[in-house]
């Protein structure tokens, strides 16, 4: 087949990134995992090359024996703006007007993976990777907590995946992953909500608490034609132990399970070395009470920490991903991607989500790989930019004032990786 030249590739990529103005990320999850997958904005459930770090477990058997290392630098910029003065009426909870930016702006997240061939038709792999979760650190007592000069939360998660992948003939495969997870959480500046809590002493300012959990993931990859493959995965809810120190904040006495998700997609080599891939993904945020329960009326009808206690009001979302990969330039590969999805946070949920403004609506990605040294060794790079996005709504705790709360976020990521 005729190769695409570099000029044509750049024109196609530029058109792809300019043509879409409404993009998205995956709630509080990363847009992609591993440097190859991140350079595609998370697309590629049917593209086995990016499967090792939390991709399609069925794809690992096609990788051969391989090791991957990566380090991700990400810079989230989060802020909120309150417009209008509080009413001061009894029984209301108005906020001080103004714009406050979160001080936490730079994070480091490593990943590592290894795939070993058990036979020509099967492999076992292990991967360790992180998820940034939610983090805010506002330099003010947003909710008038007299015990803390700052307000915010910090949720971080680490996953360890063990995968078995098996070929079914030459062109089909399945994979099963055991998922182990560790997460830690801290909240500060929330004691003003003590009157609404089932356990005010386990609401805020208790330092860092941690928990462990487990789940599973299954996947299928099939080559339906010489240049066309499909892939599908399902990841279960990851059942986590409770945050006992925050049993008066999160629903079900500190429960904070990790939501389930599924992904379906295809990879199509349109011409030699030029592959287009598209995925659709759904994340079930609403199935975890501490994430999905709405703030109101739950805050008034069920104390924080109970099964129906107030949460962040996040809804289940669909995310649509598109990626391009071109491998026709000597020892180089070039990538681009975008992600189009739904926002999990509605206008009615802005107050609690000052703490977790996961409102990203614009995500683009560029990536490349370069062979180095002996055959099989590759350097990878990915750059991701989540354009500024916001959600604005009225302060539900002070209706007479007409106050509005605007939560806002953008993010830049740079990831470096190496495979051998």
Protein backbone atom coordinates (compact mmCIF):
# COMPACT_ATOMS: atom_id res chain seq x y z
CA UNK A 1 0.00 0.00 0.00
CA UNK A 2 1.02 3.60 -0.53
CA UNK A 3 2.58 5.25 2.53
CA UNK A 4 1.29 8.56 3.84
CA UNK A 5 4.04 11.18 3.78
CA UNK A 6 4.84 13.32 6.81
CA UNK A 7 3.22 16.46 5.35
CA UNK A 8 -0.08 14.66 4.80
CA UNK A 9 0.06 13.26 8.36
CA UNK A 10 0.55 16.72 9.87
CA UNK A 11 -2.33 18.17 7.85
CA UNK A 12 -4.65 15.37 9.02
CA UNK A 13 -3.61 15.78 12.67
CA UNK A 14 -4.01 19.55 12.57
CA UNK A 15 -7.46 19.21 11.06
CA UNK A 16 -8.43 16.69 13.70
CA UNK A 17 -7.38 18.91 16.60
CA UNK A 18 -8.90 22.13 15.19
CA UNK A 19 -12.25 20.67 14.10
CA UNK A 20 -13.47 19.65 17.55
CA UNK A 21 -14.27 22.35 20.10
CA UNK A 22 -16.19 20.32 22.73
CA UNK A 23 -13.95 17.62 24.17
CA UNK A 24 -13.73 15.88 27.56
CA UNK A 25 -11.73 13.86 30.06
CA UNK A 26 -12.86 10.93 32.24
CA UNK A 27 -14.16 12.56 35.43
CA UNK A 28 -11.53 12.11 38.12
CA UNK A 29 -9.78 9.33 36.16
CA UNK A 30 -6.88 9.94 33.81
CA UNK A 31 -7.72 10.39 30.14
CA UNK A 32 -5.33 7.49 29.43
CA UNK A 33 -2.77 5.23 31.09
CA UNK A 34 0.75 4.58 29.86
CA UNK A 35 2.60 6.91 27.50
CA UNK A 36 1.35 5.32 24.27
CA UNK A 37 -2.30 5.35 25.35
CA UNK A 38 -2.07 8.88 26.75
CA UNK A 39 -0.73 10.13 23.40
CA UNK A 40 -4.00 8.88 21.88
CA UNK A 41 -6.16 10.65 24.52
CA UNK A 42 -7.01 7.21 25.89
CA UNK A 43 -8.27 5.73 22.60
CA UNK A 44 -7.13 2.28 21.49
CA UNK A 45 -9.03 -0.48 23.27
CA UNK A 46 -8.50 -2.42 19.99
CA UNK A 47 -4.88 -1.21 19.55
CA UNK A 48 -2.79 -3.74 21.45
CA UNK A 49 0.39 -1.62 21.43
CA UNK A 50 -0.98 0.50 24.29
CA UNK A 51 -2.55 -2.29 26.32
CA UNK A 52 0.02 -3.05 29.01
CA UNK A 53 -0.68 -0.16 31.43
CA UNK A 54 -4.41 -0.54 32.22
CA UNK A 55 -5.50 -1.14 28.63
CA UNK A 56 -7.29 -4.12 27.12
CA UNK A 57 -5.97 -7.20 28.96
CA UNK A 58 -6.60 -9.29 25.83
CA UNK A 59 -3.98 -7.27 23.93
CA UNK A 60 -0.99 -8.18 26.10
CA UNK A 61 -0.42 -11.56 24.47
CA UNK A 62 0.44 -9.79 21.18
CA UNK A 63 3.13 -7.64 22.81
CA UNK A 64 5.64 -10.40 23.35
CA UNK A 65 8.00 -10.11 26.29
CA UNK A 66 8.12 -6.40 27.05
CA UNK A 67 8.84 -3.95 29.85
CA UNK A 68 7.54 -0.40 30.14
CA UNK A 69 8.42 2.52 32.38
CA UNK A 70 6.75 5.92 32.50
CA UNK A 71 6.61 9.11 34.51
CA UNK A 72 3.81 11.65 34.20
CA UNK A 73 4.03 15.30 35.24
CA UNK A 74 0.62 16.92 35.52
CA UNK A 75 -0.37 20.46 36.32
CA UNK A 76 -4.04 20.90 37.30
CA UNK A 77 -5.30 24.46 37.78
CA UNK A 78 -8.48 24.57 39.87
CA UNK A 79 -10.44 27.54 41.21
CA UNK A 80 -13.88 28.71 42.22
CA UNK A 81 -15.61 32.07 42.02
CA UNK A 82 -18.47 33.21 44.24
CA UNK A 83 -20.51 36.13 42.88
CA UNK A 84 -22.93 38.08 45.08
CA UNK A 85 -23.01 38.81 48.80
CA UNK A 86 -24.48 36.32 51.28
CA UNK A 87 -27.99 37.15 52.47
CA UNK A 88 -27.13 36.79 56.14
CA UNK A 89 -30.58 35.34 56.83
CA UNK A 90 -30.99 32.79 59.60
CA UNK A 91 -30.69 29.21 58.42
CA UNK A 92 -28.71 30.10 55.28
CA UNK A 93 -25.07 29.38 54.42
CA UNK A 94 -23.72 32.04 52.10
CA UNK A 95 -20.09 32.11 50.99
CA UNK A 96 -17.68 35.04 50.83
CA UNK A 97 -17.58 36.49 47.29
CA UNK A 98 -14.36 36.37 45.26
CA UNK A 99 -12.12 34.05 43.24
CA UNK A 100 -9.90 31.52 45.02
CA UNK A 101 -7.29 29.35 43.27
CA UNK A 102 -6.07 26.00 44.58
CA UNK A 103 -2.40 26.00 45.63
CA UNK A 104 -1.78 22.36 44.58
CA UNK A 105 -0.54 22.70 41.01
CA UNK A 106 2.13 20.10 40.21
CA UNK A 107 2.10 16.33 40.69
CA UNK A 108 4.24 13.38 39.66
CA UNK A 109 2.78 9.97 38.76
CA UNK A 110 4.94 6.97 37.76
CA UNK A 111 3.90 3.76 35.99
CA UNK A 112 5.63 0.45 35.32
CA UNK A 113 4.57 -2.70 33.50
CA UNK A 114 6.00 -6.05 32.39
CA UNK A 115 4.65 -8.76 30.08
CA UNK A 116 6.10 -12.27 29.97
CA UNK A 117 5.21 -14.89 27.35
CA UNK A 118 4.24 -18.18 28.97
CA UNK A 119 3.92 -19.84 25.57
CA UNK A 120 3.43 -18.71 21.99
CA UNK A 121 -0.26 -18.25 22.77
CA UNK A 122 -0.38 -16.93 26.32
CA UNK A 123 1.21 -14.32 28.58
CA UNK A 124 1.20 -13.07 32.15
CA UNK A 125 1.72 -9.41 32.94
CA UNK A 126 1.95 -7.06 35.89
CA UNK A 127 1.41 -3.30 35.95
CA UNK A 128 1.60 -0.65 38.64
CA UNK A 129 0.17 2.82 37.98
CA UNK A 130 -1.40 5.74 39.75
CA UNK A 131 -4.52 7.84 39.43
CA UNK A 132 -4.50 11.45 40.60
CA UNK A 133 -8.02 11.30 41.95
CA UNK A 134 -9.12 14.66 43.40
CA UNK A 135 -6.99 17.34 45.00
CA UNK A 136 -7.74 20.90 46.08
CA UNK A 137 -5.91 23.16 48.53
CA UNK A 138 -7.60 26.55 48.83
CA UNK A 139 -5.72 29.10 50.98
CA UNK A 140 -8.84 30.25 52.83
CA UNK A 141 -11.53 28.96 55.17
CA UNK A 142 -14.08 28.56 52.37
CA UNK A 143 -16.71 27.03 54.67
CA UNK A 144 -15.78 29.10 57.77
CA UNK A 145 -13.99 26.29 59.60
CA UNK A 146 -12.37 27.93 62.68
CA UNK A 147 -9.97 25.00 63.07
CA UNK A 148 -8.35 25.33 59.62
CA UNK A 149 -6.96 28.25 57.63
CA UNK A 150 -7.23 26.24 54.41
CA UNK A 151 -9.91 24.12 52.70
CA UNK A 152 -9.61 21.11 50.44
CA UNK A 153 -9.37 17.39 49.90
CA UNK A 154 -6.69 15.02 48.67
CA UNK A 155 -7.59 11.67 47.11
CA UNK A 156 -4.87 9.59 45.44
CA UNK A 157 -5.10 6.03 44.11
CA UNK A 158 -2.60 3.36 43.11
CA UNK A 159 -3.47 0.20 41.16
CA UNK A 160 -1.66 -3.10 40.77
CA UNK A 161 -2.92 -5.27 37.89
CA UNK A 162 -2.05 -8.93 37.32
CA UNK A 163 -3.21 -10.17 33.91
CA UNK A 164 -3.45 -13.46 32.06
CA UNK A 165 -3.91 -13.16 28.28
CA UNK A 166 -4.70 -16.05 25.92
CA UNK A 167 -4.89 -16.24 22.13
CA UNK A 168 -7.91 -17.93 20.59
CA UNK A 169 -6.47 -18.93 17.24
CA UNK A 170 -4.25 -16.40 15.46
CA UNK A 171 -6.51 -13.35 15.39
CA UNK A 172 -8.54 -13.38 18.60
CA UNK A 173 -7.67 -13.22 22.28
CA UNK A 174 -9.13 -12.80 25.74
CA UNK A 175 -7.66 -11.48 28.95
CA UNK A 176 -8.50 -11.48 32.66
CA UNK A 177 -7.04 -9.04 35.19
CA UNK A 178 -7.05 -9.13 38.94
CA UNK A 179 -7.15 -5.52 40.17
CA UNK A 180 -5.63 -4.54 43.51
CA UNK A 181 -5.97 -0.95 44.69
CA UNK A 182 -4.69 1.34 47.43
CA UNK A 183 -6.05 4.82 48.07
CA UNK A 184 -5.61 7.55 50.64
CA UNK A 185 -7.71 10.58 51.52
CA UNK A 186 -7.58 13.74 53.60
CA UNK A 187 -10.13 16.53 54.12
CA UNK A 188 -9.74 19.86 55.88
CA UNK A 189 -11.89 22.92 56.45
CA UNK A 190 -15.26 21.13 56.68
CA UNK A 191 -16.20 21.22 60.38
CA UNK A 192 -19.01 23.70 59.67
CA UNK A 193 -20.96 20.76 58.27
CA UNK A 194 -20.81 18.99 61.64
CA UNK A 195 -24.50 19.68 62.31
CA UNK A 196 -25.31 17.63 59.21
CA UNK A 197 -23.01 14.69 60.06
CA UNK A 198 -23.75 11.36 61.73
CA UNK A 199 -20.22 11.45 63.18
CA UNK A 200 -18.84 15.03 63.40
CA UNK A 201 -15.52 13.83 64.88
CA UNK A 202 -14.90 11.84 61.66
CA UNK A 203 -15.72 14.65 59.25
CA UNK A 204 -12.66 16.83 58.72
CA UNK A 205 -9.10 17.51 59.82
CA UNK A 206 -8.21 13.94 60.77
CA UNK A 207 -5.08 13.69 58.65
CA UNK A 208 -4.60 11.03 56.00
CA UNK A 209 -6.61 7.81 56.05
CA UNK A 210 -6.05 4.91 53.66
CA UNK A 211 -7.76 1.81 52.35
CA UNK A 212 -7.21 -1.27 50.18
CA UNK A 213 -9.50 -3.01 47.74
CA UNK A 214 -9.90 -5.45 44.87
CA UNK A 215 -11.82 -5.97 41.63
CA UNK A 216 -11.42 -7.52 38.20
CA UNK A 217 -11.25 -6.65 34.52
CA UNK A 218 -11.98 -8.77 31.45
CA UNK A 219 -11.31 -8.06 27.79
CA UNK A 220 -11.63 -9.36 24.24
CA UNK A 221 -9.63 -8.41 21.13
CA UNK A 222 -10.46 -9.68 17.66
CA UNK A 223 -9.05 -9.03 14.20
CA UNK A 224 -12.09 -9.23 11.94
CA UNK A 225 -10.14 -8.36 8.77
CA UNK A 226 -6.48 -7.85 7.90
CA UNK A 227 -6.74 -4.15 8.75
CA UNK A 228 -9.68 -3.98 11.18
CA UNK A 229 -9.88 -5.03 14.85
CA UNK A 230 -12.41 -4.59 17.63
CA UNK A 231 -11.93 -4.62 21.38
CA UNK A 232 -14.14 -4.58 24.45
CA UNK A 233 -13.42 -4.46 28.20
CA UNK A 234 -15.40 -4.42 31.40
CA UNK A 235 -13.93 -3.41 34.76
CA UNK A 236 -15.88 -4.20 37.88
CA UNK A 237 -16.39 -1.86 40.78
CA UNK A 238 -13.28 -1.99 42.96
CA UNK A 239 -14.52 -2.72 46.48
CA UNK A 240 -12.48 -0.64 48.92
CA UNK A 241 -12.20 -0.72 52.70
CA UNK A 242 -13.80 2.29 54.42
CA UNK A 243 -12.12 5.53 55.41
CA UNK A 244 -12.87 5.19 59.13
CA UNK A 245 -11.42 8.62 59.92
CA UNK A 246 -13.96 10.14 57.51
CA UNK A 247 -16.97 7.98 58.35
CA UNK A 248 -18.91 11.16 59.11
CA UNK A 249 -18.26 12.60 55.64
CA UNK A 250 -18.64 9.84 53.05
CA UNK A 251 -21.84 7.82 52.66
CA UNK A 252 -22.02 4.33 54.16
CA UNK A 253 -19.66 5.24 57.03
CA UNK A 254 -16.66 6.21 54.95
CA UNK A 255 -17.16 3.95 51.94
CA UNK A 256 -15.45 5.15 48.76
CA UNK A 257 -15.47 2.35 46.18
CA UNK A 258 -13.98 2.88 42.72
CA UNK A 259 -16.68 2.93 40.00
CA UNK A 260 -17.11 0.24 37.36
CA UNK A 261 -16.71 0.99 33.64
CA UNK A 262 -16.87 -0.59 30.20
CA UNK A 263 -15.23 0.32 26.87
CA UNK A 264 -15.93 -0.74 23.27
CA UNK A 265 -13.89 0.31 20.24
CA UNK A 266 -12.19 -0.45 16.93
CA UNK A 267 -8.83 0.10 15.25
CA UNK A 268 -8.73 0.48 11.46
CA UNK A 269 -5.51 0.62 9.44
CA UNK A 270 -6.90 2.79 6.65
CA UNK A 271 -3.68 2.68 4.66
CA UNK A 272 -0.36 1.11 5.46
CA UNK A 273 1.05 2.32 8.81
CA UNK A 274 -1.82 4.77 9.40
CA UNK A 275 -4.35 3.57 12.01
CA UNK A 276 -7.54 5.28 13.10
CA UNK A 277 -9.16 4.14 16.33
CA UNK A 278 -12.36 5.08 18.13
CA UNK A 279 -13.74 4.06 21.54
CA UNK A 280 -16.86 4.63 23.59
CA UNK A 281 -16.59 4.33 27.37
CA UNK A 282 -19.07 4.55 30.22
CA UNK A 283 -18.10 5.19 33.86
CA UNK A 284 -20.65 4.46 36.60
CA UNK A 285 -19.91 7.28 39.07
CA UNK A 286 -23.56 7.34 40.15
CA UNK A 287 -23.40 3.75 41.41
CA UNK A 288 -21.10 4.72 44.31
CA UNK A 289 -23.17 6.54 46.96
CA UNK A 290 -20.35 8.70 48.30
CA UNK A 291 -19.74 10.00 44.76
CA UNK A 292 -23.22 9.88 43.23
CA UNK A 293 -25.57 10.94 46.05
CA UNK A 294 -26.74 14.53 45.45
CA UNK A 295 -26.03 17.29 47.96
CA UNK A 296 -29.68 18.27 48.28
CA UNK A 297 -32.08 17.21 49.56
CA UNK A 298 -29.82 14.53 51.08
CA UNK A 299 -27.94 17.00 53.29
CA UNK A 300 -31.23 17.94 54.97
CA UNK A 301 -32.85 14.50 55.08
CA UNK A 302 -29.96 12.08 55.79
CA UNK A 303 -26.85 12.87 57.87
CA UNK A 304 -23.46 12.77 56.19
CA UNK A 305 -21.95 9.31 56.62
CA UNK A 306 -25.24 7.41 56.32
CA UNK A 307 -26.19 5.38 53.26
CA UNK A 308 -28.17 8.25 51.73
CA UNK A 309 -25.91 10.98 53.09
CA UNK A 310 -24.96 13.81 50.74
CA UNK A 311 -22.25 13.16 48.19
CA UNK A 312 -20.81 14.99 45.20
CA UNK A 313 -23.79 14.33 42.94
CA UNK A 314 -21.70 12.91 40.10
CA UNK A 315 -23.67 11.19 37.32
CA UNK A 316 -22.74 8.24 35.10
CA UNK A 317 -21.03 9.53 31.97
CA UNK A 318 -20.22 8.43 28.43
CA UNK A 319 -16.85 9.35 26.94
CA UNK A 320 -16.01 9.11 23.22
CA UNK A 321 -12.39 8.87 22.10
CA UNK A 322 -10.67 9.17 18.75
CA UNK A 323 -6.99 8.48 18.06
CA UNK A 324 -4.53 8.42 15.15
CA UNK A 325 -1.25 6.50 14.95
CA UNK A 326 1.23 6.77 12.07
CA UNK A 327 4.28 4.48 11.94
CA UNK A 328 5.54 5.15 8.40
CA UNK A 329 8.46 7.50 9.12
CA UNK A 330 11.60 5.38 9.53
CA UNK A 331 12.04 4.68 13.28
CA UNK A 332 9.37 7.16 14.40
CA UNK A 333 5.69 6.89 15.26
CA UNK A 334 3.37 9.88 15.64
CA UNK A 335 0.06 10.08 17.51
CA UNK A 336 -2.84 12.41 18.14
CA UNK A 337 -6.09 12.02 20.01
CA UNK A 338 -9.12 13.65 21.50
CA UNK A 339 -11.81 12.72 23.98
CA UNK A 340 -15.43 13.85 23.78
CA UNK A 341 -17.66 13.19 26.75
CA UNK A 342 -20.21 14.23 29.31
CA UNK A 343 -19.63 16.31 32.44
CA UNK A 344 -20.48 14.37 35.62
CA UNK A 345 -21.28 17.54 37.59
CA UNK A 346 -24.57 19.40 37.13
CA UNK A 347 -25.29 23.06 37.96
CA UNK A 348 -27.14 22.03 41.13
CA UNK A 349 -24.02 20.34 42.58
CA UNK A 350 -21.47 23.14 42.41
CA UNK A 351 -21.20 23.82 46.17
CA UNK A 352 -19.75 20.47 47.33
CA UNK A 353 -17.76 20.25 44.10
CA UNK A 354 -15.72 23.29 45.07
CA UNK A 355 -13.75 20.48 46.72
CA UNK A 356 -13.62 18.32 43.57
CA UNK A 357 -14.12 20.42 40.41
CA UNK A 358 -13.77 17.58 37.89
CA UNK A 359 -15.37 19.64 35.11
CA UNK A 360 -12.83 19.23 32.30
CA UNK A 361 -14.53 19.49 28.90
CA UNK A 362 -11.63 19.91 26.46
CA UNK A 363 -8.88 17.33 26.02
CA UNK A 364 -6.39 17.02 23.18
CA UNK A 365 -3.29 14.83 22.95
CA UNK A 366 -0.11 14.49 20.92
CA UNK A 367 2.48 11.74 21.19
CA UNK A 368 5.42 10.07 19.54
CA UNK A 369 7.73 7.06 19.83
CA UNK A 370 11.33 6.67 18.64
CA UNK A 371 13.38 3.49 18.37
CA UNK A 372 16.64 3.83 20.27
CA UNK A 373 19.63 1.54 20.47
CA UNK A 374 19.01 -2.07 19.61
CA UNK A 375 15.79 -3.17 17.96
CA UNK A 376 12.79 -3.18 20.26
CA UNK A 377 13.85 -0.36 22.56
CA UNK A 378 11.63 2.73 22.26
CA UNK A 379 11.38 6.14 23.83
CA UNK A 380 7.83 7.54 24.15
CA UNK A 381 6.45 11.00 24.78
CA UNK A 382 2.90 12.26 25.28
CA UNK A 383 1.48 15.74 25.83
CA UNK A 384 -2.09 16.36 26.92
CA UNK A 385 -3.92 19.62 27.38
CA UNK A 386 -7.31 19.80 29.06
CA UNK A 387 -8.74 23.17 28.04
CA UNK A 388 -10.39 25.43 30.57
CA UNK A 389 -13.92 24.38 31.49
CA UNK A 390 -16.41 25.46 34.13
CA UNK A 391 -19.83 24.81 35.64
CA UNK A 392 -21.85 27.63 37.25
CA UNK A 393 -24.89 27.33 39.48
CA UNK A 394 -26.69 29.00 42.37
CA UNK A 395 -25.63 28.51 45.98
CA UNK A 396 -28.28 26.01 47.14
CA UNK A 397 -27.65 26.84 50.81
CA UNK A 398 -28.48 30.55 50.43
CA UNK A 399 -31.35 30.93 47.91
CA UNK A 400 -32.38 34.46 49.03
CA UNK A 401 -28.99 35.89 48.11
CA UNK A 402 -29.00 34.71 44.50
CA UNK A 403 -25.31 33.88 44.93
CA UNK A 404 -23.67 31.96 42.11
CA UNK A 405 -20.73 29.56 42.39
CA UNK A 406 -18.51 28.91 39.39
CA UNK A 407 -16.08 25.98 39.57
CA UNK A 408 -13.33 25.90 36.97
CA UNK A 409 -10.37 23.78 35.90
CA UNK A 410 -7.76 23.20 33.21
CA UNK A 411 -4.80 20.83 33.13
CA UNK A 412 -1.54 20.15 31.31
CA UNK A 413 0.30 16.80 31.29
CA UNK A 414 3.68 15.68 30.02
CA UNK A 415 4.59 11.99 30.14
CA UNK A 416 7.88 10.33 29.26
CA UNK A 417 8.16 6.58 28.79
CA UNK A 418 10.53 3.84 27.74
CA UNK A 419 9.85 0.28 26.58
CA UNK A 420 12.29 -2.56 25.99
